[in-house]
PDB file of N, CA and C in Angstrom:
ATOM      1  N   MET A   1     -30.412  35.761 -16.961  1.00  0.00           N
ATOM      2  CA  MET A   1     -30.212  34.770 -17.484  1.00  0.00           C
ATOM      3  C   MET A   1     -30.535  33.850 -16.156  1.00  0.00           C
ATOM      4  N   ALA A   2     -30.769  32.960 -16.440  1.00  0.00           N
ATOM      5  CA  ALA A   2     -31.077  31.802 -14.595  1.00  0.00           C
ATOM      6  C   ALA A   2     -30.270  31.857 -13.854  1.00  0.00           C
ATOM      7  N   LYS A   3     -30.068  31.749 -12.958  1.00  0.00           N
ATOM      8  CA  LYS A   3     -28.622  31.267 -12.351  1.00  0.00           C
ATOM      9  C   LYS A   3     -29.099  29.435 -11.999  1.00  0.00           C
ATOM     10  N   SER A   4     -27.821  29.204 -11.911  1.00  0.00           N
ATOM     11  CA  SER A   4     -27.439  27.698 -11.643  1.00  0.00           C
ATOM     12  C   SER A   4     -27.922  27.257 -10.190  1.00  0.00           C
ATOM     13  N   ASN A   5     -28.358  26.087 -10.087  1.00  0.00           N
ATOM     14  CA  ASN A   5     -28.502  25.647  -8.437  1.00  0.00           C
ATOM     15  C   ASN A   5     -27.560  24.250  -8.127  1.00  0.00           C
ATOM     16  N   GLN A   6     -26.791  24.211  -9.520  1.00  0.00           N
ATOM     17  CA  GLN A   6     -26.115  23.291  -9.790  1.00  0.00           C
ATOM     18  C   GLN A   6     -24.952  22.909  -8.585  1.00  0.00           C
ATOM     19  N   LYS A   7     -24.143  22.336  -7.821  1.00  0.00           N
ATOM     20  CA  LYS A   7     -23.170  22.374  -7.071  1.00  0.00           C
ATOM     21  C   LYS A   7     -22.052  22.020  -8.003  1.00  0.00           C
ATOM     22  N   ARG A   8     -21.100  22.360  -7.945  1.00  0.00           N
ATOM     23  CA  ARG A   8     -19.723  21.606  -8.366  1.00  0.00           C
ATOM     24  C   ARG A   8     -19.034  20.758  -7.770  1.00  0.00           C
ATOM     25  N   SER A   9     -18.457  19.924  -8.112  1.00  0.00           N
ATOM     26  CA  SER A   9     -17.661  19.019  -7.786  1.00  0.00           C
ATOM     27  C   SER A   9     -16.726  19.344  -6.827  1.00  0.00           C
ATOM     28  N   MET A  10     -15.868  19.370  -6.165  1.00  0.00           N
ATOM     29  CA  MET A  10     -14.793  18.872  -5.143  1.00  0.00           C
ATOM     30  C   MET A  10     -13.818  18.468  -5.444  1.00  0.00           C
ATOM     31  N   THR A  11     -12.952  18.660  -5.857  1.00  0.00           N
ATOM     32  CA  THR A  11     -11.825  18.023  -6.159  1.00  0.00           C
ATOM     33  C   THR A  11     -10.921  17.469  -5.037  1.00  0.00           C
ATOM     34  N   THR A  12      -9.720  15.716  -5.716  1.00  0.00           N
ATOM     35  CA  THR A  12      -9.784  15.193  -3.872  1.00  0.00           C
ATOM     36  C   THR A  12      -8.363  16.722  -2.951  1.00  0.00           C
ATOM     37  N   GLU A  13      -7.775  17.525  -3.716  1.00  0.00           N
ATOM     38  CA  GLU A  13      -6.949  18.395  -3.142  1.00  0.00           C
ATOM     39  C   GLU A  13      -7.897  19.545  -2.175  1.00  0.00           C
ATOM     40  N   GLU A  14      -8.841  19.898  -3.230  1.00  0.00           N
ATOM     41  CA  GLU A  14      -9.550  20.624  -2.239  1.00  0.00           C
ATOM     42  C   GLU A  14     -10.525  19.864  -1.302  1.00  0.00           C
ATOM     43  N   ALA A  15     -11.112  18.805  -1.029  1.00  0.00           N
ATOM     44  CA  ALA A  15     -11.579  18.046   0.020  1.00  0.00           C
ATOM     45  C   ALA A  15     -10.596  17.357   1.001  1.00  0.00           C
ATOM     46  N   GLY A  16      -9.437  17.229   0.197  1.00  0.00           N
ATOM     47  CA  GLY A  16      -8.540  17.221   1.221  1.00  0.00           C
ATOM     48  C   GLY A  16      -7.506  18.184   2.393  1.00  0.00           C
ATOM     49  N   ARG A  17      -8.164  18.940   1.539  1.00  0.00           N
ATOM     50  CA  ARG A  17      -7.585  20.044   2.154  1.00  0.00           C
ATOM     51  C   ARG A  17      -8.670  20.695   3.018  1.00  0.00           C
ATOM     52  N   LYS A  18      -9.719  20.361   2.641  1.00  0.00           N
ATOM     53  CA  LYS A  18     -10.740  20.857   3.504  1.00  0.00           C
ATOM     54  C   LYS A  18     -11.267  20.019   5.186  1.00  0.00           C
ATOM     55  N   GLY A  19     -11.051  18.841   5.184  1.00  0.00           N
ATOM     56  CA  GLY A  19     -11.191  17.862   5.817  1.00  0.00           C
ATOM     57  C   GLY A  19      -9.624  18.003   6.690  1.00  0.00           C
ATOM     58  N   GLY A  20      -8.439  18.311   6.362  1.00  0.00           N
ATOM     59  CA  GLY A  20      -7.372  17.975   6.868  1.00  0.00           C
ATOM     60  C   GLY A  20      -7.381  19.563   8.083  1.00  0.00           C
ATOM     61  N   GLY A  21      -8.449  20.889   7.436  1.00  0.00           N
ATOM     62  CA  GLY A  21      -8.014  21.922   8.225  1.00  0.00           C
ATOM     63  C   GLY A  21      -8.954  21.790   9.593  1.00  0.00           C
ATOM     64  N   LYS A  22     -10.235  20.695   8.784  1.00  0.00           N
ATOM     65  CA  LYS A  22     -11.541  20.131  10.182  1.00  0.00           C
ATOM     66  C   LYS A  22     -10.760  19.400  11.785  1.00  0.00           C
ATOM     67  N   ILE A  23      -9.636  17.905  11.159  1.00  0.00           N
ATOM     68  CA  ILE A  23      -9.089  17.704  12.245  1.00  0.00           C
ATOM     69  C   ILE A  23      -8.218  18.183  12.693  1.00  0.00           C
ATOM     70  N   SER A  24      -7.510  19.309  12.030  1.00  0.00           N
ATOM     71  CA  SER A  24      -6.465  19.878  12.464  1.00  0.00           C
ATOM     72  C   SER A  24      -6.898  21.373  13.389  1.00  0.00           C
ATOM     73  N   ARG A  25      -7.677  21.578  13.549  1.00  0.00           N
ATOM     74  CA  ARG A  25      -8.810  22.528  14.826  1.00  0.00           C
ATOM     75  C   ARG A  25      -9.251  21.975  15.742  1.00  0.00           C
ATOM     76  N   LYS A  26      -9.791  20.716  15.208  1.00  0.00           N
ATOM     77  CA  LYS A  26     -10.466  19.725  16.206  1.00  0.00           C
ATOM     78  C   LYS A  26      -9.343  18.702  17.408  1.00  0.00           C
ATOM     79  N   TYR A  27      -8.412  18.757  16.951  1.00  0.00           N
ATOM     80  CA  TYR A  27      -7.073  17.933  17.365  1.00  0.00           C
ATOM     81  C   TYR A  27      -5.657  18.706  17.980  1.00  0.00           C
ATOM     82  N   ASP A  28      -5.362  18.750  19.526  1.00  0.00           N
ATOM     83  CA  ASP A  28      -3.822  19.091  19.449  1.00  0.00           C
ATOM     84  C   ASP A  28      -2.943  19.012  19.098  1.00  0.00           C
ATOM     85  N   GLN A  29      -1.674  19.386  19.034  1.00  0.00           N
ATOM     86  CA  GLN A  29      -0.632  18.994  18.546  1.00  0.00           C
ATOM     87  C   GLN A  29      -0.657  17.297  19.291  1.00  0.00           C
ATOM     88  N   GLU A  30      -0.320  17.742  20.868  1.00  0.00           N
ATOM     89  CA  GLU A  30      -0.317  16.327  21.150  1.00  0.00           C
ATOM     90  C   GLU A  30      -1.188  14.877  20.808  1.00  0.00           C
ATOM     91  N   HIS A  31      -1.960  15.265  20.645  1.00  0.00           N
ATOM     92  CA  HIS A  31      -3.359  14.014  20.083  1.00  0.00           C
ATOM     93  C   HIS A  31      -2.008  13.562  18.580  1.00  0.00           C
ATOM     94  N   PHE A  32      -1.631  14.753  17.418  1.00  0.00           N
ATOM     95  CA  PHE A  32      -1.367  14.022  16.450  1.00  0.00           C
ATOM     96  C   PHE A  32       0.204  13.445  17.037  1.00  0.00           C
ATOM     97  N   GLU A  33       1.216  13.853  17.717  1.00  0.00           N
ATOM     98  CA  GLU A  33       2.388  13.247  18.110  1.00  0.00           C
ATOM     99  C   GLU A  33       1.862  12.001  18.921  1.00  0.00           C
ATOM    100  N   GLU A  34       1.279  11.515  19.750  1.00  0.00           N
ATOM    101  CA  GLU A  34       0.369  10.437  19.970  1.00  0.00           C
ATOM    102  C   GLU A  34       0.423   9.083  18.872  1.00  0.00           C
ATOM    103  N   ILE A  35      -0.367   9.708  17.573  1.00  0.00           N
ATOM    104  CA  ILE A  35      -0.817   9.057  17.045  1.00  0.00           C
ATOM    105  C   ILE A  35       0.474   8.706  15.456  1.00  0.00           C
ATOM    106  N   GLY A  36       1.708   9.630  16.257  1.00  0.00           N
ATOM    107  CA  GLY A  36       2.438   9.690  15.114  1.00  0.00           C
ATOM    108  C   GLY A  36       3.277   8.436  15.907  1.00  0.00           C
ATOM    109  N   GLN A  37       3.474   8.556  17.000  1.00  0.00           N
ATOM    110  CA  GLN A  37       4.410   7.653  18.176  1.00  0.00           C
ATOM    111  C   GLN A  37       3.731   6.078  17.661  1.00  0.00           C
ATOM    112  N   LYS A  38       2.513   6.134  17.899  1.00  0.00           N
ATOM    113  CA  LYS A  38       1.880   4.951  17.734  1.00  0.00           C
ATOM    114  C   LYS A  38       2.147   4.292  16.355  1.00  0.00           C
ATOM    115  N   GLY A  39       2.179   5.080  15.246  1.00  0.00           N
ATOM    116  CA  GLY A  39       2.212   4.318  13.917  1.00  0.00           C
ATOM    117  C   GLY A  39       3.673   4.088  13.660  1.00  0.00           C
ATOM    118  N   GLY A  40       4.925   5.100  14.381  1.00  0.00           N
ATOM    119  CA  GLY A  40       5.599   4.654  14.138  1.00  0.00           C
ATOM    120  C   GLY A  40       6.417   3.286  14.964  1.00  0.00           C
ATOM    121  N   GLU A  41       5.746   3.030  16.256  1.00  0.00           N
ATOM    122  CA  GLU A  41       5.918   2.024  16.639  1.00  0.00           C
ATOM    123  C   GLU A  41       5.423   0.529  15.811  1.00  0.00           C
ATOM    124  N   LYS A  42       4.321   0.872  15.302  1.00  0.00           N
ATOM    125  CA  LYS A  42       3.872  -0.474  14.645  1.00  0.00           C
ATOM    126  C   LYS A  42       4.556  -0.673  13.310  1.00  0.00           C
ATOM    127  N   VAL A  43       5.259   0.732  12.908  1.00  0.00           N
ATOM    128  CA  VAL A  43       6.205   0.187  11.747  1.00  0.00           C
ATOM    129  C   VAL A  43       6.898  -0.413  11.780  1.00  0.00           C
ATOM    130  N   ALA A  44       7.748   0.163  12.862  1.00  0.00           N
ATOM    131  CA  ALA A  44       8.933  -0.308  13.239  1.00  0.00           C
ATOM    132  C   ALA A  44       8.564  -1.632  14.586  1.00  0.00           C
ATOM    133  N   GLY A  45       8.363  -2.387  14.208  1.00  0.00           N
ATOM    134  CA  GLY A  45       7.621  -3.615  14.774  1.00  0.00           C
ATOM    135  C   GLY A  45       7.659  -4.843  13.319  1.00  0.00           C
ATOM    136  N   GLU A  46       6.947  -4.203  12.251  1.00  0.00           N
ATOM    137  CA  GLU A  46       7.032  -5.011  11.341  1.00  0.00           C
ATOM    138  C   GLU A  46       7.728  -4.917   9.799  1.00  0.00           C
ATOM    139  N   TYR A  47       9.355  -4.135  10.324  1.00  0.00           N
ATOM    140  CA  TYR A  47      10.194  -4.122   9.814  1.00  0.00           C
ATOM    141  C   TYR A  47      11.373  -4.155   9.829  1.00  0.00           C
ATOM    142  N   SER A  48      12.397  -4.336   9.920  1.00  0.00           N
ATOM    143  CA  SER A  48      13.657  -4.431  10.521  1.00  0.00           C
ATOM    144  C   SER A  48      14.611  -3.265  10.011  1.00  0.00           C
ATOM    145  N   GLN A  49      15.796  -3.107  11.262  1.00  0.00           N
ATOM    146  CA  GLN A  49      16.497  -2.442  10.933  1.00  0.00           C
ATOM    147  C   GLN A  49      17.208  -2.209   9.215  1.00  0.00           C
ATOM    148  N   GLU A  50      17.801  -3.716   8.712  1.00  0.00           N
ATOM    149  CA  GLU A  50      18.307  -3.250   7.819  1.00  0.00           C
ATOM    150  C   GLU A  50      17.012  -2.840   6.292  1.00  0.00           C
ATOM    151  N   HIS A  51      16.028  -2.836   6.814  1.00  0.00           N
ATOM    152  CA  HIS A  51      14.986  -2.264   5.918  1.00  0.00           C
ATOM    153  C   HIS A  51      15.205  -0.738   5.376  1.00  0.00           C
ATOM    154  N   PHE A  52      15.124  -0.075   6.907  1.00  0.00           N
ATOM    155  CA  PHE A  52      15.013   1.181   7.324  1.00  0.00           C
ATOM    156  C   PHE A  52      16.181   1.681   6.272  1.00  0.00           C
ATOM    157  N   GLY A  53      17.053   1.063   6.422  1.00  0.00           N
ATOM    158  CA  GLY A  53      18.776   1.012   6.651  1.00  0.00           C
ATOM    159  C   GLY A  53      18.451   1.314   4.662  1.00  0.00           C
ATOM    160  N   ASN A  54      18.319   0.205   4.331  1.00  0.00           N
ATOM    161  CA  ASN A  54      18.218   0.023   2.703  1.00  0.00           C
ATOM    162  C   ASN A  54      16.721   1.410   1.935  1.00  0.00           C
ATOM    163  N   ILE A  55      16.332   1.831   2.575  1.00  0.00           N
ATOM    164  CA  ILE A  55      14.946   2.472   2.247  1.00  0.00           C
ATOM    165  C   ILE A  55      15.691   4.216   2.670  1.00  0.00           C
ATOM    166  N   GLY A  56      16.057   4.331   3.148  1.00  0.00           N
ATOM    167  CA  GLY A  56      17.030   5.541   4.034  1.00  0.00           C
ATOM    168  C   GLY A  56      18.376   5.731   2.813  1.00  0.00           C
ATOM    169  N   GLN A  57      19.053   4.380   2.777  1.00  0.00           N
ATOM    170  CA  GLN A  57      20.449   4.677   1.297  1.00  0.00           C
ATOM    171  C   GLN A  57      19.482   4.764   0.110  1.00  0.00           C
ATOM    172  N   GLU A  58      18.743   4.237  -0.028  1.00  0.00           N
ATOM    173  CA  GLU A  58      17.552   4.231  -1.220  1.00  0.00           C
ATOM    174  C   GLU A  58      17.506   6.154  -1.221  1.00  0.00           C
ATOM    175  N   GLY A  59      17.249   6.327  -0.837  1.00  0.00           N
ATOM    176  CA  GLY A  59      16.349   7.615  -0.613  1.00  0.00           C
ATOM    177  C   GLY A  59      16.937   8.974  -0.375  1.00  0.00           C
ATOM    178  N   GLY A  60      18.888   8.847  -0.630  1.00  0.00           N
ATOM    179  CA  GLY A  60      19.880   9.523  -0.185  1.00  0.00           C
ATOM    180  C   GLY A  60      20.872   9.393  -1.848  1.00  0.00           C
ATOM    181  N   GLU A  61      20.383   8.276  -1.930  1.00  0.00           N
ATOM    182  CA  GLU A  61      21.028   8.609  -3.599  1.00  0.00           C
ATOM    183  C   GLU A  61      20.392   9.016  -4.266  1.00  0.00           C
ATOM    184  N   THR A  62      19.366   8.692  -3.975  1.00  0.00           N
ATOM    185  CA  THR A  62      18.207   9.196  -5.385  1.00  0.00           C
ATOM    186  C   THR A  62      18.192  10.866  -5.151  1.00  0.00           C
ATOM    187  N   THR A  63      18.393  11.608  -3.405  1.00  0.00           N
ATOM    188  CA  THR A  63      17.960  12.667  -3.640  1.00  0.00           C
ATOM    189  C   THR A  63      19.741  13.465  -4.214  1.00  0.00           C
ATOM    190  N   SER A  64      20.770  13.404  -4.181  1.00  0.00           N
ATOM    191  CA  SER A  64      22.142  13.094  -4.229  1.00  0.00           C
ATOM    192  C   SER A  64      22.162  13.427  -6.141  1.00  0.00           C
ATOM    193  N   GLU A  65      21.591  12.125  -6.329  1.00  0.00           N
ATOM    194  CA  GLU A  65      21.587  12.292  -8.034  1.00  0.00           C
ATOM    195  C   GLU A  65      20.820  13.547  -8.303  1.00  0.00           C
ATOM    196  N   LYS A  66      19.757  13.864  -7.609  1.00  0.00           N
ATOM    197  CA  LYS A  66      18.351  14.935  -8.315  1.00  0.00           C
ATOM    198  C   LYS A  66      19.397  16.284  -8.261  1.00  0.00           C
ATOM    199  N   TYR A  67      20.004  16.534  -6.827  1.00  0.00           N
ATOM    200  CA  TYR A  67      20.503  17.863  -5.961  1.00  0.00           C
ATOM    201  C   TYR A  67      22.061  18.086  -6.171  1.00  0.00           C
ATOM    202  N   GLY A  68      22.493  17.262  -6.204  1.00  0.00           N
ATOM    203  CA  GLY A  68      24.193  17.304  -6.138  1.00  0.00           C
ATOM    204  C   GLY A  68      24.734  17.555  -4.383  1.00  0.00           C
ATOM    205  N   LYS A  69      26.042  17.733  -4.802  1.00  0.00           N
ATOM    206  CA  LYS A  69      26.935  17.709  -3.798  1.00  0.00           C
ATOM    207  C   LYS A  69      26.340  19.073  -3.096  1.00  0.00           C
ATOM    208  N   GLU A  70      26.341  19.790  -4.151  1.00  0.00           N
ATOM    209  CA  GLU A  70      25.914  21.455  -3.901  1.00  0.00           C
ATOM    210  C   GLU A  70      24.841  21.301  -2.662  1.00  0.00           C
ATOM    211  N   HIS A  71      23.999  20.847  -2.107  1.00  0.00           N
ATOM    212  CA  HIS A  71      23.171  20.349  -1.884  1.00  0.00           C
ATOM    213  C   HIS A  71      23.498  20.198  -0.588  1.00  0.00           C
ATOM    214  N   TYR A  72      23.744  19.646  -0.736  1.00  0.00           N
ATOM    215  CA  TYR A  72      24.442  19.330   0.957  1.00  0.00           C
ATOM    216  C   TYR A  72      24.650  20.148   1.779  1.00  0.00           C
ATOM    217  N   GLU A  73      25.976  20.299   0.678  1.00  0.00           N
ATOM    218  CA  GLU A  73      26.779  21.618   1.747  1.00  0.00           C
ATOM    219  C   GLU A  73      25.947  22.696   2.246  1.00  0.00           C
ATOM    220  N   ASP A  74      24.840  23.281   1.183  1.00  0.00           N
ATOM    221  CA  ASP A  74      24.166  23.685   1.820  1.00  0.00           C
ATOM    222  C   ASP A  74      23.258  23.436   2.936  1.00  0.00           C
ATOM    223  N   ILE A  75      22.450  22.717   2.944  1.00  0.00           N
ATOM    224  CA  ILE A  75      21.775  22.161   4.240  1.00  0.00           C
ATOM    225  C   ILE A  75      22.668  22.181   5.224  1.00  0.00           C
ATOM    226  N   GLY A  76      23.740  21.542   5.110  1.00  0.00           N
ATOM    227  CA  GLY A  76      24.826  21.281   6.262  1.00  0.00           C
ATOM    228  C   GLY A  76      25.424  23.011   6.789  1.00  0.00           C
ATOM    229  N   GLN A  77      25.067  23.823   5.657  1.00  0.00           N
ATOM    230  CA  GLN A  77      25.754  25.094   6.478  1.00  0.00           C
ATOM    231  C   GLN A  77      24.299  25.364   7.076  1.00  0.00           C
ATOM    232  N   LYS A  78      23.256  25.418   6.819  1.00  0.00           N
ATOM    233  CA  LYS A  78      22.525  26.319   7.107  1.00  0.00           C
ATOM    234  C   LYS A  78      22.018  25.053   8.436  1.00  0.00           C
ATOM    235  N   GLY A  79      22.328  24.007   8.919  1.00  0.00           N
ATOM    236  CA  GLY A  79      22.119  23.440   9.930  1.00  0.00           C
ATOM    237  C   GLY A  79      22.819  24.471  10.943  1.00  0.00           C
ATOM    238  N   GLY A  80      24.295  23.738  10.143  1.00  0.00           N
ATOM    239  CA  GLY A  80      25.270  24.537  11.389  1.00  0.00           C
ATOM    240  C   GLY A  80      25.265  26.266  11.951  1.00  0.00           C
ATOM    241  N   ARG A  81      24.782  27.145  11.159  1.00  0.00           N
ATOM    242  CA  ARG A  81      24.097  28.587  11.301  1.00  0.00           C
ATOM    243  C   ARG A  81      23.336  27.919  12.445  1.00  0.00           C
ATOM    244  N   ASN A  82      21.841  26.986  12.659  1.00  0.00           N
ATOM    245  CA  ASN A  82      20.831  27.086  13.596  1.00  0.00           C
ATOM    246  C   ASN A  82      21.421  26.158  14.269  1.00  0.00           C
ATOM    247  N   SER A  83      21.954  25.645  14.384  1.00  0.00           N
ATOM    248  CA  SER A  83      22.798  24.701  15.853  1.00  0.00           C
ATOM    249  C   SER A  83      22.713  25.698  16.828  1.00  0.00           C
ATOM    250  N   GLY A  84      23.750  27.166  16.546  1.00  0.00           N
ATOM    251  CA  GLY A  84      24.286  27.822  18.058  1.00  0.00           C
ATOM    252  C   GLY A  84      25.262  27.240  18.433  1.00  0.00           C
ATOM    253  N   ASN A  85      25.834  26.256  17.913  1.00  0.00           N
ATOM    254  CA  ASN A  85      26.841  26.098  19.021  1.00  0.00           C
ATOM    255  C   ASN A  85      28.286  26.946  17.784  1.00  0.00           C
ATOM    256  N   GLY A  86      27.913  27.510  16.943  1.00  0.00           N
ATOM    257  CA  GLY A  86      29.084  28.961  16.595  1.00  0.00           C
ATOM    258  C   GLY A  86      30.272  27.846  15.268  1.00  0.00           C
ATOM    259  N   SER A  87      30.550  26.738  14.987  1.00  0.00           N
ATOM    260  CA  SER A  87      30.977  26.027  14.255  1.00  0.00           C
ATOM    261  C   SER A  87      31.163  26.570  13.031  1.00  0.00           C
ATOM    262  N   VAL A  88      30.064  27.468  12.291  1.00  0.00           N
ATOM    263  CA  VAL A  88      29.986  27.831  11.226  1.00  0.00           C
ATOM    264  C   VAL A  88      29.820  29.335  11.191  1.00  0.00           C
ATOM    265  N   PRO A  89      30.282  29.716  10.712  1.00  0.00           N
ATOM    266  CA  PRO A  89      29.778  31.467  10.338  1.00  0.00           C
ATOM    267  C   PRO A  89      28.720  31.794   9.769  1.00  0.00           C
ATOM    268  N   ASN A  90      28.665  33.179  10.110  1.00  0.00           N
ATOM    269  CA  ASN A  90      27.031  33.096   9.313  1.00  0.00           C
ATOM    270  C   ASN A  90      27.707  34.156   8.129  1.00  0.00           C
ATOM    271  N   SER A  91      26.818  33.342   6.833  1.00  0.00           N
ATOM    272  CA  SER A  91      27.711  33.704   5.650  1.00  0.00           C
ATOM    273  C   SER A  91      26.909  34.771   4.686  1.00  0.00           C
TER     274      SER A  91
END
């Protein structure tokens, strides 16, 4: 049986993972912090505080509907345990 020399196409996910890994190895954390800061400043200049408040409110409502009150209780307890202030006992 003859071997095929055809190359298989990469999926978008595979290509993204490969490219992301290469970029991640090329630049350090400071580089990503800098570009994140620049992007955040640009977006903040284009939209009002009301806009961000609205999308935060919508996101919170969606999360609340999806996960319920227990989700917030769980993450609140985890945050309290990790804060080191001792206000929430370890369970």
